[in-house]
Amino acid sequence: TILEPIIKVEVQAPEEFQGSVVGQLNQRRGTILSTENSEGYLTAVAEVPLNSMFGYSTDLRSATQGKGEFTMEFAKYAPVPRAEQEEMMKAYREKQAAERR
């Protein structure tokens, strides 16, 4: 089993962008833990694989007209989905075979 780091992400943005924020987190294989609206702002908490978070800052700012912010902190390790594990193992085997030549 291959494990990957999972990051706890907390996003704050105006609530008018709630659909975009939640959609982006889901698109990055995130699991939404909670969402809360107060005083016109959305706070969404999710767990997302670290590998999926590269480039998120730019995407969030684009989706929220520059008004969204987020914080990240390590949460845990979790197994990589089976299909991705197989792709990773295949790439590793190909790399090893190329190095032996």
Protein backbone atom coordinates (compact mmCIF):
# COMPACT_ATOMS: atom_id res chain seq x y z
CA THR A 1 0.00 0.00 0.00
CA ILE A 2 1.29 3.43 -0.93
CA LEU A 3 0.48 6.23 1.50
CA GLU A 4 0.14 9.94 0.71
CA PRO A 5 0.09 12.96 3.03
CA ILE A 6 -3.37 14.45 3.63
CA ILE A 7 -3.59 18.15 4.42
CA LYS A 8 -6.31 19.90 6.42
CA VAL A 9 -7.28 22.97 4.37
CA GLU A 10 -9.36 25.87 5.71
CA VAL A 11 -10.66 28.25 3.05
CA GLN A 12 -12.24 31.66 3.71
CA ALA A 13 -14.06 33.49 0.89
CA PRO A 14 -17.17 35.61 0.34
CA GLU A 15 -20.19 33.28 0.44
CA GLU A 16 -21.15 34.19 -3.14
CA PHE A 17 -18.22 31.97 -4.22
CA GLN A 18 -19.29 28.94 -2.14
CA GLY A 19 -20.01 26.76 -5.18
CA SER A 20 -16.63 27.49 -6.76
CA VAL A 21 -14.70 26.90 -3.53
CA VAL A 22 -16.41 23.60 -2.70
CA GLY A 23 -16.22 22.47 -6.33
CA GLN A 24 -12.47 23.08 -6.49
CA LEU A 25 -11.87 21.14 -3.28
CA ASN A 26 -13.93 18.21 -4.59
CA GLN A 27 -12.10 18.33 -7.92
CA ARG A 28 -8.81 17.90 -6.02
CA ARG A 29 -10.08 14.70 -4.32
CA GLY A 30 -10.88 16.65 -1.17
CA THR A 31 -13.30 15.55 1.53
CA ILE A 32 -15.36 18.44 2.88
CA LEU A 33 -15.46 18.23 6.69
CA SER A 34 -17.54 21.36 7.34
CA THR A 35 -18.80 24.59 5.84
CA GLU A 36 -19.99 27.59 7.78
CA ASN A 37 -21.41 30.93 6.66
CA SER A 38 -21.20 33.97 8.91
CA GLU A 39 -21.25 37.68 8.21
CA GLY A 40 -21.18 37.15 4.45
CA TYR A 41 -18.14 34.87 4.50
CA LEU A 42 -17.80 31.15 3.92
CA THR A 43 -15.36 29.04 5.91
CA ALA A 44 -14.86 25.58 4.44
CA VAL A 45 -12.71 22.90 6.07
CA ALA A 46 -11.56 19.92 4.01
CA GLU A 47 -8.95 17.17 3.90
CA VAL A 48 -7.10 17.09 0.59
CA PRO A 49 -4.10 15.08 -0.65
CA LEU A 50 -0.99 17.27 -0.62
CA ASN A 51 -0.13 16.31 -4.20
CA SER A 52 -3.45 17.80 -5.36
CA MET A 53 -2.82 21.16 -3.69
CA PHE A 54 -0.10 22.40 -6.05
CA GLY A 55 -1.43 25.45 -7.90
CA TYR A 56 -4.42 25.84 -5.59
CA SER A 57 -3.51 29.38 -4.56
CA THR A 58 -3.78 30.64 -8.14
CA ASP A 59 -7.00 28.70 -8.80
CA LEU A 60 -8.64 29.97 -5.60
CA ARG A 61 -7.77 33.58 -6.33
CA SER A 62 -9.09 33.25 -9.89
CA ALA A 63 -12.36 31.71 -8.72
CA THR A 64 -12.93 34.31 -5.98
CA GLN A 65 -11.74 37.47 -7.77
CA GLY A 66 -8.73 37.57 -5.44
CA LYS A 67 -10.85 37.57 -2.27
CA GLY A 68 -10.29 33.98 -1.12
CA GLU A 69 -7.60 32.83 1.32
CA PHE A 70 -6.64 29.47 2.74
CA THR A 71 -4.42 27.80 5.31
CA MET A 72 -3.00 24.27 5.27
CA GLU A 73 -1.66 21.95 7.93
CA PHE A 74 -0.68 18.30 7.93
CA ALA A 75 -3.50 16.00 9.04
CA LYS A 76 -2.52 12.37 8.40
CA TYR A 77 -1.36 9.78 5.90
CA ALA A 78 -3.92 7.81 3.88
CA PRO A 79 -3.73 5.11 1.19
CA VAL A 80 -3.52 6.29 -2.41
CA PRO A 81 -6.54 5.16 -4.49
CA ARG A 82 -5.96 1.79 -6.19
CA ALA A 83 -5.91 3.15 -9.79
CA GLU A 84 -3.27 5.74 -8.89
CA GLN A 85 -1.20 3.15 -7.00
CA GLU A 86 -1.09 0.97 -10.10
CA GLU A 87 -0.01 3.93 -12.27
CA MET A 88 2.72 4.83 -9.77
CA MET A 89 4.01 1.24 -9.61
CA LYS A 90 4.02 0.99 -13.42
CA ALA A 91 5.99 4.24 -13.75
CA TYR A 92 8.44 3.04 -11.08
CA ARG A 93 8.99 -0.29 -12.83
CA GLU A 94 9.56 1.47 -16.16
CA LYS A 95 12.08 3.80 -14.55
CA GLN A 96 13.94 0.87 -12.99
CA ALA A 97 14.02 -0.99 -16.31
CA ALA A 98 15.40 2.09 -18.09
CA GLU A 99 18.14 2.50 -15.46
CA ARG A 100 19.29 -1.13 -15.90
CA ARG A 101 20.02 -0.61 -19.60
